[in-house]
Amino acid sequence: MRAYVEGAVLGAVAGFLAGLFGIGGGVIIVPGLVLWLRLSQYEASGTAVATIVASSAAALVLFAADGKVDWFAAFALFVGSGAGAWIGGRLIEKVPEHVLAGGFALVLLIAGVRLWL
């Protein structure tokens, strides 16, 4: 039962940040699943992908109603991200878990530095 409550809290925080900043799936959920719920990096990646649909759809309704969606860009990103996610999902088991975690941390670090500047 505790895991469900912790998962719901993590989901609520990620959903809030997704709606506010357009982030959540990977940036909040993956570290939360690994550090707080003790999932492997592989399980966290797969679980985060599964949650993206709900948080994205909920936020999309509000952004679209407010006219804040560039549908052409969204479609192009949809196609590209779908293809990239499929390729990443096929390759993830070939990457050692410590390399996967280090790469994820590096992406977060670079993003953080770029946003700060």
N, C-alpha and C. Protein backbone atom coordinates (compact mmCIF):
# COMPACT_ATOMS: atom_id res chain seq x y z
N MET A 1 0.82 -1.20 0.00
CA MET A 1 0.00 0.00 0.00
C MET A 1 0.86 1.26 0.00
N ARG A 2 1.95 1.20 0.76
CA ARG A 2 2.83 2.37 0.84
C ARG A 2 3.38 2.75 -0.53
N ALA A 3 3.74 1.74 -1.34
CA ALA A 3 4.29 2.01 -2.67
C ALA A 3 3.26 2.73 -3.54
N TYR A 4 1.98 2.41 -3.38
CA TYR A 4 0.93 3.09 -4.16
C TYR A 4 0.81 4.55 -3.75
N VAL A 5 0.87 4.82 -2.46
CA VAL A 5 0.78 6.19 -1.97
C VAL A 5 2.00 6.99 -2.45
N GLU A 6 3.19 6.40 -2.29
CA GLU A 6 4.40 7.09 -2.74
C GLU A 6 4.37 7.32 -4.25
N GLY A 7 3.90 6.33 -4.99
CA GLY A 7 3.77 6.49 -6.44
C GLY A 7 2.79 7.59 -6.81
N ALA A 8 1.68 7.66 -6.09
CA ALA A 8 0.68 8.70 -6.36
C ALA A 8 1.23 10.09 -6.04
N VAL A 9 1.98 10.20 -4.95
CA VAL A 9 2.60 11.49 -4.60
C VAL A 9 3.62 11.89 -5.66
N LEU A 10 4.46 10.96 -6.06
CA LEU A 10 5.44 11.22 -7.10
C LEU A 10 4.74 11.62 -8.40
N GLY A 11 3.67 10.94 -8.75
CA GLY A 11 2.90 11.27 -9.95
C GLY A 11 2.28 12.65 -9.87
N ALA A 12 1.76 13.01 -8.70
CA ALA A 12 1.15 14.33 -8.54
C ALA A 12 2.20 15.44 -8.68
N VAL A 13 3.36 15.25 -8.10
CA VAL A 13 4.43 16.24 -8.23
C VAL A 13 4.86 16.35 -9.69
N ALA A 14 5.07 15.21 -10.33
CA ALA A 14 5.48 15.21 -11.74
C ALA A 14 4.40 15.83 -12.63
N GLY A 15 3.15 15.51 -12.37
CA GLY A 15 2.06 16.09 -13.14
C GLY A 15 1.97 17.60 -12.97
N PHE A 16 2.13 18.06 -11.74
CA PHE A 16 2.12 19.50 -11.46
C PHE A 16 3.23 20.20 -12.24
N LEU A 17 4.45 19.64 -12.17
CA LEU A 17 5.58 20.24 -12.87
C LEU A 17 5.44 20.13 -14.39
N ALA A 18 4.81 19.06 -14.86
CA ALA A 18 4.56 18.91 -16.30
C ALA A 18 3.63 20.01 -16.78
N GLY A 19 2.59 20.27 -16.01
CA GLY A 19 1.64 21.31 -16.39
C GLY A 19 2.25 22.71 -16.28
N LEU A 20 3.12 22.89 -15.32
CA LEU A 20 3.70 24.20 -15.07
C LEU A 20 4.88 24.51 -16.00
N PHE A 21 5.77 23.53 -16.16
CA PHE A 21 7.00 23.76 -16.91
C PHE A 21 7.13 22.94 -18.19
N GLY A 22 6.21 22.00 -18.42
CA GLY A 22 6.33 21.13 -19.59
C GLY A 22 7.33 20.01 -19.38
N ILE A 23 7.61 19.67 -18.11
CA ILE A 23 8.53 18.58 -17.80
C ILE A 23 7.81 17.57 -16.92
N GLY A 24 8.45 16.50 -16.58
CA GLY A 24 7.85 15.58 -15.64
C GLY A 24 8.24 14.14 -15.88
N GLY A 25 7.92 13.62 -17.07
CA GLY A 25 8.14 12.22 -17.35
C GLY A 25 9.51 11.72 -16.95
N GLY A 26 10.53 12.24 -17.57
CA GLY A 26 11.87 11.77 -17.27
C GLY A 26 12.54 12.53 -16.17
N VAL A 27 12.35 13.82 -16.16
CA VAL A 27 13.11 14.69 -15.26
C VAL A 27 12.74 14.46 -13.80
N ILE A 28 11.50 14.22 -13.52
CA ILE A 28 11.05 14.05 -12.14
C ILE A 28 10.80 12.57 -11.81
N ILE A 29 10.10 11.88 -12.70
CA ILE A 29 9.66 10.52 -12.38
C ILE A 29 10.82 9.54 -12.33
N VAL A 30 11.74 9.59 -13.29
CA VAL A 30 12.84 8.61 -13.29
C VAL A 30 13.67 8.71 -12.01
N PRO A 31 14.18 9.89 -11.64
CA PRO A 31 14.94 9.94 -10.38
C PRO A 31 14.08 9.54 -9.17
N GLY A 32 12.82 9.94 -9.17
CA GLY A 32 11.95 9.56 -8.06
C GLY A 32 11.76 8.06 -7.95
N LEU A 33 11.57 7.42 -9.09
CA LEU A 33 11.40 5.97 -9.07
C LEU A 33 12.67 5.24 -8.65
N VAL A 34 13.81 5.75 -9.08
CA VAL A 34 15.08 5.10 -8.72
C VAL A 34 15.45 5.38 -7.27
N LEU A 35 15.38 6.63 -6.87
CA LEU A 35 15.86 7.01 -5.53
C LEU A 35 14.84 6.77 -4.43
N TRP A 36 13.56 7.00 -4.72
CA TRP A 36 12.54 6.92 -3.67
C TRP A 36 11.86 5.54 -3.65
N LEU A 37 11.49 5.04 -4.83
CA LEU A 37 10.77 3.77 -4.88
C LEU A 37 11.70 2.58 -5.16
N ARG A 38 12.98 2.85 -5.36
CA ARG A 38 14.02 1.83 -5.51
C ARG A 38 13.83 0.92 -6.73
N LEU A 39 13.31 1.46 -7.82
CA LEU A 39 13.23 0.69 -9.06
C LEU A 39 14.59 0.74 -9.74
N SER A 40 14.85 -0.23 -10.60
CA SER A 40 16.08 -0.18 -11.39
C SER A 40 15.95 0.94 -12.42
N GLN A 41 17.07 1.34 -12.98
CA GLN A 41 17.05 2.38 -14.01
C GLN A 41 16.20 1.92 -15.20
N TYR A 42 16.26 0.64 -15.54
CA TYR A 42 15.47 0.09 -16.64
C TYR A 42 13.97 0.18 -16.33
N GLU A 43 13.59 -0.26 -15.12
CA GLU A 43 12.17 -0.20 -14.73
C GLU A 43 11.68 1.24 -14.66
N ALA A 44 12.52 2.13 -14.16
CA ALA A 44 12.13 3.54 -14.05
C ALA A 44 11.90 4.15 -15.43
N SER A 45 12.76 3.83 -16.37
CA SER A 45 12.58 4.36 -17.73
C SER A 45 11.27 3.88 -18.34
N GLY A 46 11.00 2.60 -18.25
CA GLY A 46 9.76 2.05 -18.79
C GLY A 46 8.53 2.58 -18.08
N THR A 47 8.59 2.69 -16.78
CA THR A 47 7.46 3.19 -16.00
C THR A 47 7.20 4.66 -16.30
N ALA A 48 8.26 5.45 -16.44
CA ALA A 48 8.09 6.88 -16.76
C ALA A 48 7.42 7.05 -18.11
N VAL A 49 7.81 6.25 -19.08
CA VAL A 49 7.19 6.34 -20.40
C VAL A 49 5.69 6.04 -20.30
N ALA A 50 5.33 5.08 -19.47
CA ALA A 50 3.92 4.73 -19.32
C ALA A 50 3.10 5.87 -18.71
N THR A 51 3.72 6.71 -17.90
CA THR A 51 2.98 7.79 -17.23
C THR A 51 2.86 9.05 -18.09
N ILE A 52 3.69 9.15 -19.11
CA ILE A 52 3.71 10.37 -19.93
C ILE A 52 2.35 10.62 -20.58
N VAL A 53 1.68 9.57 -20.98
CA VAL A 53 0.39 9.72 -21.67
C VAL A 53 -0.61 10.48 -20.80
N ALA A 54 -0.73 10.09 -19.55
CA ALA A 54 -1.72 10.72 -18.67
C ALA A 54 -1.38 12.18 -18.39
N SER A 55 -0.14 12.46 -18.03
CA SER A 55 0.21 13.84 -17.69
C SER A 55 0.16 14.73 -18.92
N SER A 56 0.60 14.21 -20.05
CA SER A 56 0.57 15.00 -21.28
C SER A 56 -0.85 15.31 -21.73
N ALA A 57 -1.70 14.30 -21.69
CA ALA A 57 -3.09 14.50 -22.12
C ALA A 57 -3.81 15.51 -21.23
N ALA A 58 -3.60 15.40 -19.93
CA ALA A 58 -4.26 16.33 -19.01
C ALA A 58 -3.83 17.77 -19.25
N ALA A 59 -2.52 17.97 -19.42
CA ALA A 59 -2.03 19.33 -19.66
C ALA A 59 -2.41 19.81 -21.06
N LEU A 60 -2.41 18.92 -22.04
CA LEU A 60 -2.74 19.30 -23.41
C LEU A 60 -4.14 19.88 -23.52
N VAL A 61 -5.07 19.31 -22.81
CA VAL A 61 -6.45 19.82 -22.85
C VAL A 61 -6.48 21.30 -22.47
N LEU A 62 -5.79 21.65 -21.42
CA LEU A 62 -5.78 23.04 -20.96
C LEU A 62 -5.01 23.96 -21.90
N PHE A 63 -3.83 23.52 -22.34
CA PHE A 63 -3.03 24.34 -23.25
C PHE A 63 -3.75 24.54 -24.59
N ALA A 64 -4.37 23.50 -25.11
CA ALA A 64 -5.08 23.60 -26.39
C ALA A 64 -6.29 24.53 -26.26
N ALA A 65 -7.02 24.41 -25.18
CA ALA A 65 -8.18 25.28 -24.96
C ALA A 65 -7.77 26.74 -24.87
N ASP A 66 -6.55 26.97 -24.42
CA ASP A 66 -6.02 28.33 -24.29
C ASP A 66 -5.31 28.81 -25.55
N GLY A 67 -5.28 27.97 -26.60
CA GLY A 67 -4.63 28.33 -27.85
C GLY A 67 -3.12 28.38 -27.78
N LYS A 68 -2.53 27.61 -26.88
CA LYS A 68 -1.09 27.67 -26.66
C LYS A 68 -0.37 26.43 -27.18
N VAL A 69 -0.87 25.85 -28.27
CA VAL A 69 -0.22 24.69 -28.87
C VAL A 69 0.09 25.01 -30.32
N ASP A 70 1.32 24.85 -30.72
CA ASP A 70 1.70 24.95 -32.13
C ASP A 70 1.53 23.54 -32.70
N TRP A 71 0.41 23.31 -33.36
CA TRP A 71 0.05 21.96 -33.81
C TRP A 71 1.02 21.41 -34.84
N PHE A 72 1.57 22.26 -35.70
CA PHE A 72 2.54 21.78 -36.68
C PHE A 72 3.79 21.26 -35.97
N ALA A 73 4.31 22.06 -35.04
CA ALA A 73 5.49 21.63 -34.28
C ALA A 73 5.17 20.39 -33.44
N ALA A 74 3.97 20.37 -32.85
CA ALA A 74 3.58 19.22 -32.03
C ALA A 74 3.53 17.94 -32.87
N PHE A 75 2.99 18.03 -34.08
CA PHE A 75 2.92 16.85 -34.94
C PHE A 75 4.31 16.37 -35.33
N ALA A 76 5.18 17.31 -35.70
CA ALA A 76 6.55 16.93 -36.08
C ALA A 76 7.27 16.28 -34.90
N LEU A 77 7.12 16.84 -33.70
CA LEU A 77 7.73 16.25 -32.51
C LEU A 77 7.12 14.89 -32.19
N PHE A 78 5.81 14.75 -32.41
CA PHE A 78 5.11 13.49 -32.17
C PHE A 78 5.72 12.38 -33.02
N VAL A 79 5.90 12.67 -34.31
CA VAL A 79 6.47 11.68 -35.22
C VAL A 79 7.91 11.35 -34.83
N GLY A 80 8.71 12.38 -34.64
CA GLY A 80 10.12 12.16 -34.29
C GLY A 80 10.30 11.49 -32.95
N SER A 81 9.54 11.91 -31.95
CA SER A 81 9.71 11.32 -30.62
C SER A 81 9.19 9.89 -30.60
N GLY A 82 8.16 9.61 -31.37
CA GLY A 82 7.68 8.23 -31.45
C GLY A 82 8.73 7.30 -32.03
N ALA A 83 9.37 7.73 -33.11
CA ALA A 83 10.43 6.92 -33.72
C ALA A 83 11.62 6.80 -32.78
N GLY A 84 12.03 7.91 -32.18
CA GLY A 84 13.17 7.88 -31.26
C GLY A 84 12.91 7.02 -30.03
N ALA A 85 11.70 7.09 -29.50
CA ALA A 85 11.35 6.29 -28.33
C ALA A 85 11.35 4.80 -28.67
N TRP A 86 10.88 4.47 -29.85
CA TRP A 86 10.87 3.07 -30.27
C TRP A 86 12.30 2.54 -30.35
N ILE A 87 13.19 3.33 -30.97
CA ILE A 87 14.59 2.92 -31.09
C ILE A 87 15.24 2.80 -29.71
N GLY A 88 15.01 3.82 -28.86
CA GLY A 88 15.56 3.77 -27.50
C GLY A 88 15.05 2.59 -26.71
N GLY A 89 13.76 2.28 -26.84
CA GLY A 89 13.18 1.13 -26.15
C GLY A 89 13.78 -0.19 -26.61
N ARG A 90 14.14 -0.26 -27.89
CA ARG A 90 14.76 -1.47 -28.42
C ARG A 90 16.21 -1.62 -27.94
N LEU A 91 16.88 -0.50 -27.70
CA LEU A 91 18.30 -0.54 -27.37
C LEU A 91 18.61 -0.51 -25.87
N ILE A 92 17.64 -0.16 -25.03
CA ILE A 92 17.93 0.09 -23.62
C ILE A 92 18.58 -1.10 -22.92
N GLU A 93 18.17 -2.30 -23.25
CA GLU A 93 18.73 -3.48 -22.58
C GLU A 93 20.19 -3.74 -22.96
N LYS A 94 20.65 -3.11 -24.02
CA LYS A 94 22.04 -3.28 -24.45
C LYS A 94 22.98 -2.31 -23.73
N VAL A 95 22.43 -1.38 -23.00
CA VAL A 95 23.23 -0.37 -22.30
C VAL A 95 23.34 -0.78 -20.83
N PRO A 96 24.55 -0.89 -20.29
CA PRO A 96 24.68 -1.21 -18.86
C PRO A 96 23.95 -0.17 -18.00
N GLU A 97 23.37 -0.61 -16.91
CA GLU A 97 22.55 0.27 -16.08
C GLU A 97 23.34 1.47 -15.58
N HIS A 98 24.59 1.30 -15.18
CA HIS A 98 25.37 2.44 -14.68
C HIS A 98 25.65 3.46 -15.80
N VAL A 99 25.80 3.00 -17.02
CA VAL A 99 26.00 3.91 -18.15
C VAL A 99 24.69 4.66 -18.44
N LEU A 100 23.59 3.96 -18.38
CA LEU A 100 22.27 4.57 -18.58
C LEU A 100 22.02 5.66 -17.53
N ALA A 101 22.28 5.35 -16.27
CA ALA A 101 22.09 6.33 -15.19
C ALA A 101 23.03 7.51 -15.36
N GLY A 102 24.29 7.25 -15.71
CA GLY A 102 25.24 8.34 -15.91
C GLY A 102 24.86 9.23 -17.08
N GLY A 103 24.41 8.62 -18.16
CA GLY A 103 23.96 9.40 -19.32
C GLY A 103 22.76 10.26 -18.98
N PHE A 104 21.83 9.71 -18.21
CA PHE A 104 20.65 10.47 -17.78
C PHE A 104 21.07 11.65 -16.91
N ALA A 105 21.98 11.41 -15.99
CA ALA A 105 22.46 12.49 -15.12
C ALA A 105 23.16 13.57 -15.94
N LEU A 106 23.92 13.17 -16.96
CA LEU A 106 24.61 14.13 -17.81
C LEU A 106 23.62 15.00 -18.59
N VAL A 107 22.58 14.38 -19.11
CA VAL A 107 21.54 15.14 -19.83
C VAL A 107 20.89 16.15 -18.90
N LEU A 108 20.57 15.73 -17.67
CA LEU A 108 19.97 16.66 -16.71
C LEU A 108 20.92 17.80 -16.36
N LEU A 109 22.20 17.49 -16.20
CA LEU A 109 23.20 18.51 -15.89
C LEU A 109 23.31 19.53 -17.02
N ILE A 110 23.42 19.04 -18.24
CA ILE A 110 23.52 19.95 -19.39
C ILE A 110 22.28 20.81 -19.51
N ALA A 111 21.11 20.20 -19.34
CA ALA A 111 19.86 20.96 -19.42
C ALA A 111 19.81 22.03 -18.32
N GLY A 112 20.22 21.66 -17.12
CA GLY A 112 20.23 22.61 -16.01
C GLY A 112 21.16 23.79 -16.25
N VAL A 113 22.34 23.51 -16.76
CA VAL A 113 23.30 24.58 -17.05
C VAL A 113 22.76 25.48 -18.16
N ARG A 114 22.20 24.89 -19.22
CA ARG A 114 21.66 25.68 -20.32
C ARG A 114 20.50 26.55 -19.86
N LEU A 115 19.67 26.03 -19.00
CA LEU A 115 18.54 26.83 -18.50
C LEU A 115 19.02 27.95 -17.58
N TRP A 116 20.07 27.69 -16.83
CA TRP A 116 20.60 28.69 -15.90
C TRP A 116 21.20 29.86 -16.65
N LEU A 117 21.85 29.58 -17.78
CA LEU A 117 22.54 30.64 -18.53
C LEU A 117 21.58 31.37 -19.36
